[in-house]
Amino acid sequence: MSDLLDRVRAGGLLTPGRPVLVLLSGGRDSVCLLDLAVRIAGVAQVSALHCNYGLRPAADADAAFCAALCERLGVRLHVRRPERGAGNLQAWARDARYAAARELASGDIAAGHTASDQAETVLYRLAASPGRRALLGMRERDGQLVRPLLGVTRAETAAHCRARGLDWVEDASNADPAFARGRVRHSLLPALRSIHPAAEANVLRTLALLRDEADVLDEVVGAALAAAGDPPSADALRALPPALQRLAIQRLAGDGPAIGHRTGEILALPEGGALDVGGGLRAEIRSGTLRFGASTGRAAPRPRRMPGVLRDSDIGEILVQADDLQHRVRQLGADITRDYEGKDLLLIGVLKGAVFFLADLMREIECPCEVDFMAVASYGSATESSGVVRILKDLDTPIEGRHVLIVEDIVDSGLTLQYLLRTLEARGPASLEVCALLTKPDRRTVDLPTRYIGFEIPDKFAIGYGLDHAERFRNLPYVAALSVT
């Protein structure tokens, strides 16, 4: 496999004499990467990190395998056992792994992401968070992190290991359809290959073209913003072509939410005007310049005063503006209409929080449908999920043989939704899907399929548009964060 060795060496991410810490899971890709790192950088410059999360029966065996492999190759191995954190399981594992690597690394940190992973990442991001940035994929170098195998397929890493006499371990969870990435790998990509055998390669070629074009666009945007001043003149931004306006506004928003579609509203703000654009971000025009800051305090539009019920101090930043809610509901209604045309559709609203969303959504669905309700107890008056799920009101309608769409206000930990799916699946529907207005990825403790999602929001207690705290705030026309004082 000298060809693979030469290709990775030519990439320049592994170099002789430069320290590198390899993230070693024991899978084929990381085993291949460790072997190449030793041969290119030199064994004295290479160390490895294995995180034993203790989540699978084979976890200790995988750690033992990595220890034996490193002993064979003469590489120093660090083993960490992270304590389970809150939120999404995969996000926690990733964050714990990279945090440990940053503590240990004196040089680069090498991850075994391959071209196959790249294609899966682009397809997943495109489905979950559409936008230009979602299509750019992973970079070969991201600060201290390097991905030397990003031009190598998973089949090539397996062939390299076989040729070098290197065993590897298989993580059964990679094939588990409960995880979104597993569904992309084992369902979506094979379906695309059945349409065209070069589907994966075509995704990667498109990615390369888009990245080249993105570099050019970034230079154009940078020049336009430099000419507009710091902070940029609102009039200078208004004079730009519409496409360049959108890109400039998104650049100014930083790593915040995708707000390009709100460019017209932002640039239409008068002097002193402000607009909450979602994701805790507010645009303001001050002294003729456009500025972005945190959406804190009194939000726009102002909360309606209801003496004894609402206080301004109770309502924090706006997470989703009222017009954004209605725009997204219309999009979801169109998607559901297309997907359920000619089917016997039953919407199941989860009381009480989903009532506002369900009422608006149903008016946007243009195919015949019926509605029923369930009431489930999982939240009390506190700002944390109790984790206890029980049915307070069951369905009035049999669902056997029908196409059922659960309409939820918010997916938090996922425990409530997991219970509902199991309960309703046992009743024999023809299909069972979920439409959630909001989801908190950082809070997820179970990975569940959610076909339709309105918005991803940060880990803050959400109120408004049907969501409550101790039965208050449901009638706010937007979604805001509860102010915690």
Protein backbone atom coordinates (compact mmCIF):
# COMPACT_ATOMS: atom_id res chain seq x y z
CA MET A 1 0.00 0.00 0.00
CA SER A 2 2.89 2.38 -0.83
CA ASP A 3 0.48 4.44 -2.93
CA LEU A 4 -1.63 5.33 0.12
CA LEU A 5 1.50 6.09 2.14
CA ASP A 6 2.77 8.39 -0.61
CA ARG A 7 -0.58 10.16 -0.94
CA VAL A 8 -0.86 10.86 2.78
CA ARG A 9 2.77 11.97 2.98
CA ALA A 10 2.21 14.30 0.02
CA GLY A 11 -0.75 15.85 1.83
CA GLY A 12 1.68 17.41 4.31
CA LEU A 13 -0.48 16.94 7.39
CA LEU A 14 1.86 14.28 8.78
CA THR A 15 5.51 15.33 8.57
CA PRO A 16 8.76 13.81 9.82
CA GLY A 17 9.73 15.06 13.27
CA ARG A 18 6.45 16.84 14.08
CA PRO A 19 4.61 15.56 17.18
CA VAL A 20 1.15 14.15 16.54
CA LEU A 21 -1.47 12.64 18.84
CA VAL A 22 -3.65 10.10 17.03
CA LEU A 23 -7.25 9.62 18.14
CA LEU A 24 -7.43 5.83 18.29
CA SER A 25 -10.79 4.07 18.54
CA GLY A 26 -9.51 0.73 17.31
CA GLY A 27 -11.56 0.90 14.10
CA ARG A 28 -10.01 0.41 10.68
CA ASP A 29 -9.60 4.12 9.93
CA SER A 30 -7.82 5.01 13.16
CA VAL A 31 -5.63 1.89 12.98
CA CYS A 32 -4.62 2.83 9.44
CA LEU A 33 -3.92 6.42 10.54
CA LEU A 34 -1.74 5.32 13.46
CA ASP A 35 0.34 3.06 11.23
CA LEU A 36 0.82 5.84 8.66
CA ALA A 37 1.70 8.39 11.37
CA VAL A 38 4.43 6.10 12.72
CA ARG A 39 5.88 5.55 9.25
CA ILE A 40 5.77 9.22 8.25
CA ALA A 41 6.38 11.22 11.45
CA GLY A 42 8.54 8.65 13.22
CA VAL A 43 7.56 6.53 16.19
CA ALA A 44 9.19 8.91 18.70
CA GLN A 45 6.86 11.71 17.58
CA VAL A 46 3.63 9.72 17.74
CA SER A 47 1.33 9.09 20.68
CA ALA A 48 -2.28 7.88 20.79
CA LEU A 49 -5.41 8.60 22.79
CA HIS A 50 -8.19 6.07 23.37
CA CYS A 51 -11.38 7.10 25.20
CA ASN A 52 -13.16 4.24 26.94
CA TYR A 53 -16.68 5.57 27.51
CA GLY A 54 -17.84 2.31 29.05
CA LEU A 55 -21.08 2.47 27.09
CA ARG A 56 -20.84 -0.85 25.23
CA PRO A 57 -20.14 -4.40 26.42
CA ALA A 58 -17.06 -4.45 24.16
CA ALA A 59 -15.61 -1.18 25.51
CA ASP A 60 -12.95 -2.79 27.71
CA ALA A 61 -12.01 -5.25 24.97
CA ASP A 62 -11.57 -2.34 22.53
CA ALA A 63 -9.28 -0.58 25.03
CA ALA A 64 -7.23 -3.76 25.43
CA PHE A 65 -6.95 -4.08 21.65
CA CYS A 66 -5.65 -0.50 21.36
CA ALA A 67 -3.10 -1.14 24.11
CA ALA A 68 -1.83 -4.25 22.31
CA LEU A 69 -1.65 -2.43 18.97
CA CYS A 70 0.30 0.48 20.45
CA GLU A 71 2.69 -1.90 22.18
CA ARG A 72 3.28 -3.65 18.84
CA LEU A 73 3.97 -0.35 17.06
CA GLY A 74 6.00 1.13 19.92
CA VAL A 75 3.57 4.01 20.46
CA ARG A 76 2.73 5.57 23.83
CA LEU A 77 -1.00 5.20 24.56
CA HIS A 78 -3.12 7.43 26.78
CA VAL A 79 -6.44 5.98 27.94
CA ARG A 80 -9.18 8.19 29.35
CA ARG A 81 -12.51 7.20 30.93
CA PRO A 82 -14.71 10.32 30.66
CA GLU A 83 -17.58 10.70 33.11
CA ARG A 84 -20.97 10.75 31.40
CA GLY A 85 -22.14 14.29 30.77
CA ALA A 86 -25.56 15.73 30.05
CA GLY A 87 -27.10 16.23 26.61
CA ASN A 88 -26.72 14.39 23.34
CA LEU A 89 -24.68 11.22 23.79
CA GLN A 90 -22.62 11.50 20.62
CA ALA A 91 -21.95 15.21 21.15
CA TRP A 92 -20.79 14.54 24.69
CA ALA A 93 -18.46 11.74 23.56
CA ARG A 94 -16.97 13.94 20.81
CA ASP A 95 -16.45 16.89 23.15
CA ALA A 96 -14.87 14.72 25.84
CA ARG A 97 -12.50 13.15 23.30
CA TYR A 98 -11.30 16.45 21.89
CA ALA A 99 -10.96 18.04 25.35
CA ALA A 100 -8.71 15.18 26.47
CA ALA A 101 -6.70 15.43 23.24
CA ARG A 102 -6.09 19.16 23.70
CA GLU A 103 -4.77 18.52 27.20
CA LEU A 104 -2.32 15.87 25.98
CA ALA A 105 -1.15 17.10 22.56
CA SER A 106 2.12 19.00 22.18
CA GLY A 107 1.65 19.21 18.41
CA ASP A 108 -1.17 18.23 16.08
CA ILE A 109 -4.20 16.09 16.87
CA ALA A 110 -4.94 13.61 14.06
CA ALA A 111 -8.43 12.20 13.48
CA GLY A 112 -9.17 9.32 11.13
CA HIS A 113 -12.02 10.91 9.19
CA THR A 114 -12.10 9.60 5.64
CA ALA A 115 -13.66 10.63 2.35
CA SER A 116 -16.53 8.29 3.20
CA ASP A 117 -17.10 10.17 6.47
CA GLN A 118 -16.95 13.43 4.53
CA ALA A 119 -19.74 12.38 2.18
CA GLU A 120 -21.88 11.23 5.12
CA THR A 121 -21.25 14.49 6.98
CA VAL A 122 -22.29 16.64 4.02
CA LEU A 123 -25.48 14.64 3.44
CA TYR A 124 -26.37 14.74 7.14
CA ARG A 125 -25.75 18.49 7.45
CA LEU A 126 -27.68 19.19 4.28
CA ALA A 127 -30.69 17.34 5.69
CA ALA A 128 -30.42 18.77 9.21
CA SER A 129 -29.28 22.37 8.63
CA PRO A 130 -29.57 23.50 5.01
CA GLY A 131 -27.33 26.32 3.87
CA ARG A 132 -24.07 27.02 2.10
CA ARG A 133 -21.98 26.30 5.19
CA ALA A 134 -23.58 22.87 5.57
CA LEU A 135 -22.16 21.88 2.17
CA LEU A 136 -18.55 22.75 2.91
CA GLY A 137 -17.89 19.65 5.00
CA MET A 138 -14.87 19.00 7.21
CA ARG A 139 -11.55 20.71 6.52
CA GLU A 140 -8.22 18.88 6.34
CA ARG A 141 -6.81 21.26 8.96
CA ASP A 142 -8.92 22.98 11.59
CA GLY A 143 -6.46 24.66 13.94
CA GLN A 144 -4.64 21.94 15.87
CA LEU A 145 -6.86 19.21 14.42
CA VAL A 146 -5.74 17.49 11.20
CA ARG A 147 -7.51 14.89 9.08
CA PRO A 148 -4.83 13.21 6.94
CA LEU A 149 -7.22 10.57 5.53
CA LEU A 150 -9.86 12.93 4.21
CA GLY A 151 -8.98 11.99 0.64
CA VAL A 152 -9.03 8.26 1.39
CA THR A 153 -12.08 5.99 1.31
CA ARG A 154 -13.07 3.56 4.03
CA ALA A 155 -12.42 0.69 1.62
CA GLU A 156 -8.84 1.92 1.16
CA THR A 157 -8.12 2.06 4.88
CA ALA A 158 -9.39 -1.52 5.22
CA ALA A 159 -7.18 -2.66 2.34
CA HIS A 160 -4.18 -0.93 3.91
CA CYS A 161 -4.73 -2.68 7.25
CA ARG A 162 -5.05 -6.07 5.57
CA ALA A 163 -1.89 -5.53 3.54
CA ARG A 164 0.02 -4.52 6.69
CA GLY A 165 -1.37 -7.40 8.74
CA LEU A 166 -3.18 -5.06 11.12
CA ASP A 167 -6.42 -6.14 12.75
CA TRP A 168 -9.13 -3.74 13.85
CA VAL A 169 -12.32 -3.83 15.90
CA GLU A 170 -15.85 -3.13 14.71
CA ASP A 171 -18.18 -0.83 16.65
CA ALA A 172 -21.66 -2.35 16.33
CA SER A 173 -23.26 1.03 17.09
CA ASN A 174 -22.02 2.33 13.73
CA ALA A 175 -24.65 0.14 12.07
CA ASP A 176 -27.41 0.99 14.56
CA PRO A 177 -30.28 2.74 12.72
CA ALA A 178 -31.18 4.49 15.99
CA PHE A 179 -28.33 6.91 15.22
CA ALA A 180 -28.75 9.41 12.39
CA ARG A 181 -25.25 8.80 11.02
CA GLY A 182 -25.94 5.08 10.88
CA ARG A 183 -29.04 5.71 8.80
CA VAL A 184 -27.06 7.93 6.43
CA ARG A 185 -24.32 5.30 6.08
CA HIS A 186 -26.43 2.19 5.70
CA SER A 187 -29.64 3.51 4.12
CA LEU A 188 -29.17 6.86 2.39
CA LEU A 189 -25.78 6.29 0.73
CA PRO A 190 -26.70 2.84 -0.63
CA ALA A 191 -29.91 4.34 -2.02
CA LEU A 192 -27.89 7.06 -3.76
CA ARG A 193 -25.45 4.47 -5.15
CA SER A 194 -28.41 2.56 -6.57
CA ILE A 195 -29.27 5.70 -8.54
CA HIS A 196 -25.67 6.24 -9.69
CA PRO A 197 -22.67 4.09 -8.71
CA ALA A 198 -20.45 7.19 -8.44
CA ALA A 199 -22.88 9.04 -6.14
CA GLU A 200 -20.42 9.23 -3.23
CA ALA A 201 -17.59 10.43 -5.47
CA ASN A 202 -19.88 13.00 -7.06
CA VAL A 203 -20.78 14.39 -3.65
CA LEU A 204 -17.09 14.78 -2.88
CA ARG A 205 -16.33 16.41 -6.24
CA THR A 206 -19.17 18.87 -5.70
CA LEU A 207 -17.82 19.56 -2.23
CA ALA A 208 -14.38 20.37 -3.62
CA LEU A 209 -15.87 22.76 -6.19
CA LEU A 210 -18.01 24.49 -3.58
CA ARG A 211 -15.04 24.91 -1.25
CA ASP A 212 -12.99 26.53 -4.03
CA GLU A 213 -15.89 28.84 -4.81
CA ALA A 214 -16.41 29.56 -1.11
CA ASP A 215 -12.81 30.74 -0.79
CA VAL A 216 -13.39 33.19 -3.64
CA LEU A 217 -16.70 34.36 -2.17
CA ASP A 218 -15.09 34.82 1.25
CA GLU A 219 -12.50 37.14 -0.28
CA VAL A 220 -15.21 39.16 -2.03
CA VAL A 221 -17.24 39.42 1.18
CA GLY A 222 -14.15 40.40 3.15
CA ALA A 223 -13.33 43.18 0.70
CA ALA A 224 -16.92 44.48 0.77
CA LEU A 225 -17.00 44.56 4.57
CA ALA A 226 -13.60 46.24 4.72
CA ALA A 227 -14.89 48.97 2.41
CA ALA A 228 -18.05 49.33 4.54
CA GLY A 229 -16.05 50.10 7.69
CA ASP A 230 -15.90 48.67 11.19
CA PRO A 231 -18.67 48.54 12.27
CA PRO A 232 -20.05 48.53 8.73
CA SER A 233 -22.12 51.40 7.39
CA ALA A 234 -25.73 50.36 6.88
CA ASP A 235 -25.92 52.45 3.71
CA ALA A 236 -22.80 50.76 2.32
CA LEU A 237 -24.38 47.35 2.93
CA ARG A 238 -27.62 48.45 1.30
CA ALA A 239 -25.69 49.45 -1.83
CA LEU A 240 -24.31 45.92 -2.33
CA PRO A 241 -25.92 43.41 -4.74
CA PRO A 242 -28.55 41.29 -2.93
CA ALA A 243 -26.48 38.07 -2.95
CA LEU A 244 -23.47 39.90 -1.52
CA GLN A 245 -25.70 41.56 1.08
CA ARG A 246 -26.81 38.12 2.31
CA LEU A 247 -23.27 36.81 2.54
CA ALA A 248 -22.06 39.93 4.32
CA ILE A 249 -24.90 39.81 6.85
CA GLN A 250 -24.21 36.15 7.54
CA ARG A 251 -20.49 36.88 8.02
CA LEU A 252 -21.31 39.64 10.49
CA ALA A 253 -23.54 37.22 12.43
CA GLY A 254 -20.51 34.96 12.97
CA ASP A 255 -21.21 31.41 14.06
CA GLY A 256 -24.78 32.28 14.99
CA PRO A 257 -27.95 31.15 13.23
CA ALA A 258 -28.49 31.21 9.47
CA ILE A 259 -30.04 34.65 8.95
CA GLY A 260 -29.41 35.36 5.28
CA HIS A 261 -33.14 35.11 4.56
CA ARG A 262 -33.71 38.08 6.91
CA THR A 263 -31.28 40.41 5.15
CA GLY A 264 -34.07 42.60 3.74
CA GLU A 265 -35.63 43.09 7.17
CA ILE A 266 -32.27 43.85 8.80
CA LEU A 267 -31.22 46.43 6.23
CA ALA A 268 -34.69 48.03 6.32
CA LEU A 269 -34.25 48.92 10.00
CA PRO A 270 -34.33 52.66 10.66
CA GLU A 271 -31.83 54.51 12.81
CA GLY A 272 -32.20 53.18 16.36
CA GLY A 273 -34.17 50.17 15.16
CA ALA A 274 -33.54 46.63 16.40
CA LEU A 275 -34.60 43.18 15.28
CA ASP A 276 -34.25 39.84 17.04
CA VAL A 277 -33.20 37.45 14.29
CA GLY A 278 -33.26 34.18 16.27
CA GLY A 279 -30.70 32.10 18.08
CA GLY A 280 -30.28 34.78 20.75
CA LEU A 281 -28.96 37.32 18.24
CA ARG A 282 -30.16 40.90 17.73
CA ALA A 283 -29.41 43.28 14.85
CA GLU A 284 -29.37 47.02 15.56
CA ILE A 285 -28.75 50.20 13.59
CA ARG A 286 -26.77 52.70 15.68
CA SER A 287 -25.14 55.87 14.34
CA GLY A 288 -25.74 54.64 10.80
CA THR A 289 -23.90 51.35 11.37
CA LEU A 290 -25.11 47.77 11.68
CA ARG A 291 -24.22 45.89 14.84
CA PHE A 292 -25.05 42.43 16.14
CA GLY A 293 -25.32 41.58 19.79
CA ALA A 294 -27.08 39.35 22.28
CA SER A 295 -30.87 39.48 22.31
CA THR A 296 -31.27 40.22 26.00
CA GLY A 297 -33.63 42.32 28.06
CA ARG A 298 -36.73 43.77 26.45
CA ALA A 299 -37.09 42.06 23.10
CA ALA A 300 -38.68 43.31 19.90
CA PRO A 301 -41.60 43.16 19.57
CA ARG A 302 -42.17 44.11 23.19
CA PRO A 303 -43.85 41.53 25.42
CA ARG A 304 -47.50 42.36 25.91
CA ARG A 305 -48.19 43.64 29.39
CA MET A 306 -50.54 41.43 31.39
CA PRO A 307 -50.46 42.67 35.00
CA GLY A 308 -50.08 39.83 37.46
CA VAL A 309 -49.37 37.31 34.68
CA LEU A 310 -46.39 38.48 32.64
CA ARG A 311 -43.47 40.61 33.75
CA ASP A 312 -40.75 41.86 31.45
CA SER A 313 -38.15 40.38 33.79
CA ASP A 314 -39.59 36.88 33.26
CA ILE A 315 -38.98 36.95 29.51
CA GLY A 316 -35.39 36.65 28.32
CA GLU A 317 -34.00 36.69 24.82
CA ILE A 318 -36.17 35.85 21.87
CA LEU A 319 -35.13 32.50 20.40
CA VAL A 320 -37.53 32.43 17.43
CA GLN A 321 -39.37 35.50 16.17
CA ALA A 322 -43.10 35.39 15.41
CA ASP A 323 -42.68 35.87 11.67
CA ASP A 324 -39.98 33.18 11.54
CA LEU A 325 -42.42 30.80 13.23
CA GLN A 326 -45.12 31.41 10.66
CA HIS A 327 -42.68 31.18 7.74
CA ARG A 328 -41.35 27.83 8.96
CA VAL A 329 -44.85 26.48 9.67
CA ARG A 330 -45.79 27.23 6.06
CA GLN A 331 -42.72 25.34 4.84
CA LEU A 332 -43.51 22.35 7.06
CA GLY A 333 -47.13 22.35 5.87
CA ALA A 334 -45.96 22.24 2.26
CA ASP A 335 -43.55 19.37 3.01
CA ILE A 336 -46.22 17.35 4.80
CA THR A 337 -48.73 17.98 2.01
CA ARG A 338 -46.27 16.61 -0.53
CA ASP A 339 -45.27 13.58 1.55
CA TYR A 340 -48.79 12.51 2.57
CA GLU A 341 -50.74 13.18 -0.63
CA GLY A 342 -53.21 10.33 -1.12
CA LYS A 343 -52.59 8.84 2.34
CA ASP A 344 -54.88 8.51 5.35
CA LEU A 345 -53.15 11.09 7.56
CA LEU A 346 -53.88 11.46 11.26
CA LEU A 347 -52.21 14.26 13.21
CA ILE A 348 -51.72 13.59 16.91
CA GLY A 349 -51.20 16.74 18.96
CA VAL A 350 -49.41 16.41 22.27
CA LEU A 351 -51.23 18.55 24.83
CA LYS A 352 -50.91 21.26 25.86
CA GLY A 353 -47.80 22.77 24.37
CA ALA A 354 -48.35 21.72 20.76
CA VAL A 355 -51.84 23.26 20.41
CA PHE A 356 -50.69 26.56 18.89
CA PHE A 357 -48.25 24.86 16.53
CA LEU A 358 -50.75 22.15 15.54
CA ALA A 359 -53.52 24.67 14.80
CA ASP A 360 -51.27 26.76 12.54
CA LEU A 361 -49.69 23.72 10.92
CA MET A 362 -52.98 22.02 10.12
CA ARG A 363 -54.18 25.14 8.27
CA GLU A 364 -51.10 24.89 6.02
CA ILE A 365 -51.63 21.22 5.12
CA GLU A 366 -53.52 20.93 1.85
CA CYS A 367 -54.24 17.20 1.83
CA PRO A 368 -57.10 15.58 3.83
CA CYS A 369 -56.20 14.91 7.45
CA GLU A 370 -57.78 14.31 10.84
CA VAL A 371 -56.63 15.28 14.32
CA ASP A 372 -56.59 13.66 17.75
CA PHE A 373 -54.84 14.49 21.00
CA MET A 374 -52.81 12.88 23.75
CA ALA A 375 -51.83 14.42 27.07
CA VAL A 376 -48.56 13.24 28.55
CA ALA A 377 -47.02 14.31 31.84
CA SER A 378 -43.26 14.80 31.82
CA TYR A 379 -42.83 18.42 32.92
CA GLY A 380 -43.90 19.97 36.19
CA SER A 381 -43.42 23.54 37.29
CA ALA A 382 -39.63 23.30 37.30
CA THR A 383 -37.32 24.15 34.45
CA GLU A 384 -36.00 20.60 34.12
CA SER A 385 -37.62 17.51 32.64
CA SER A 386 -38.73 15.08 35.34
CA GLY A 387 -37.89 12.06 33.16
CA VAL A 388 -41.19 10.49 34.34
CA VAL A 389 -43.64 9.82 31.50
CA ARG A 390 -47.29 8.87 31.93
CA ILE A 391 -50.37 9.22 29.71
CA LEU A 392 -53.03 11.54 31.12
CA LYS A 393 -55.29 11.44 28.05
CA ASP A 394 -55.20 8.71 25.42
CA LEU A 395 -56.40 8.83 21.83
CA ASP A 396 -60.06 8.64 20.93
CA THR A 397 -59.26 7.28 17.45
CA PRO A 398 -57.82 3.85 16.50
CA ILE A 399 -54.61 4.24 14.50
CA GLU A 400 -54.13 0.74 13.08
CA GLY A 401 -53.33 0.95 9.37
CA ARG A 402 -53.24 4.77 9.36
CA HIS A 403 -50.40 7.16 8.62
CA VAL A 404 -49.74 8.88 11.93
CA LEU A 405 -47.80 12.11 12.44
CA ILE A 406 -47.05 13.10 16.03
CA VAL A 407 -46.97 16.90 16.40
CA GLU A 408 -44.76 17.97 19.32
CA ASP A 409 -43.90 21.42 20.61
CA ILE A 410 -40.35 20.57 21.69
CA VAL A 411 -38.01 17.57 21.84
CA ASP A 412 -35.79 18.03 24.87
CA SER A 413 -34.22 14.91 26.37
CA GLY A 414 -36.24 12.73 23.98
CA LEU A 415 -37.65 10.58 26.81
CA THR A 416 -41.26 11.63 26.24
CA LEU A 417 -41.03 11.13 22.50
CA GLN A 418 -39.35 7.75 22.94
CA TYR A 419 -42.24 6.62 25.13
CA LEU A 420 -44.85 7.89 22.68
CA LEU A 421 -43.21 6.21 19.71
CA ARG A 422 -43.01 2.87 21.49
CA THR A 423 -46.60 3.11 22.70
CA LEU A 424 -48.08 4.09 19.34
CA GLU A 425 -45.91 1.74 17.28
CA ALA A 426 -47.44 -1.16 19.20
CA ARG A 427 -50.87 -0.15 17.88
CA GLY A 428 -50.00 -1.02 14.28
CA PRO A 429 -50.01 2.24 12.29
CA ALA A 430 -49.09 2.09 8.61
CA SER A 431 -46.40 4.67 9.35
CA LEU A 432 -45.36 6.71 12.37
CA GLU A 433 -43.41 9.96 12.07
CA VAL A 434 -42.71 13.05 14.18
CA CYS A 435 -43.01 16.76 13.49
CA ALA A 436 -41.40 18.88 16.22
CA LEU A 437 -41.47 22.67 16.30
CA LEU A 438 -38.30 22.87 18.40
CA THR A 439 -35.44 20.58 19.31
CA LYS A 440 -32.54 20.97 21.72
CA PRO A 441 -29.66 18.84 20.39
CA ASP A 442 -27.48 19.57 23.43
CA ARG A 443 -30.10 18.14 25.78
CA ARG A 444 -30.81 14.92 23.90
CA THR A 445 -30.19 11.74 25.87
CA VAL A 446 -31.79 9.38 23.34
CA ASP A 447 -31.34 9.60 19.58
CA LEU A 448 -34.75 9.41 17.91
CA PRO A 449 -35.93 9.91 14.33
CA THR A 450 -37.66 13.28 13.85
CA ARG A 451 -38.77 13.65 10.23
CA TYR A 452 -39.82 17.30 10.40
CA ILE A 453 -38.06 19.90 12.58
CA GLY A 454 -38.90 23.57 12.81
CA PHE A 455 -35.92 25.01 14.67
CA GLU A 456 -32.91 23.90 16.69
CA ILE A 457 -32.53 26.06 19.80
CA PRO A 458 -29.85 26.31 22.51
CA ASP A 459 -30.16 24.64 25.89
CA LYS A 460 -32.46 27.23 27.45
CA PHE A 461 -35.93 26.81 28.90
CA ALA A 462 -38.26 27.94 26.13
CA ILE A 463 -41.58 29.73 26.62
CA GLY A 464 -44.20 31.14 24.26
CA TYR A 465 -46.19 29.91 21.25
CA GLY A 466 -47.76 27.20 23.40
CA LEU A 467 -44.78 26.47 25.64
CA ASP A 468 -45.20 27.35 29.30
CA HIS A 469 -43.51 27.67 32.64
CA ALA A 470 -45.92 26.77 35.44
CA GLU A 471 -48.78 27.27 32.93
CA ARG A 472 -47.74 30.83 32.06
CA PHE A 473 -46.44 32.44 28.84
CA ARG A 474 -48.21 30.10 26.38
CA ASN A 475 -49.81 33.07 24.61
CA LEU A 476 -46.60 34.86 23.65
CA PRO A 477 -46.52 35.12 19.83
CA TYR A 478 -42.84 34.15 19.68
CA VAL A 479 -40.53 31.68 21.44
CA ALA A 480 -38.34 33.21 24.12
CA ALA A 481 -36.03 31.98 26.84
CA LEU A 482 -37.23 32.07 30.43
CA SER A 483 -35.17 34.60 32.31
CA VAL A 484 -33.38 32.83 35.16
CA THR A 485 -32.57 35.24 37.98
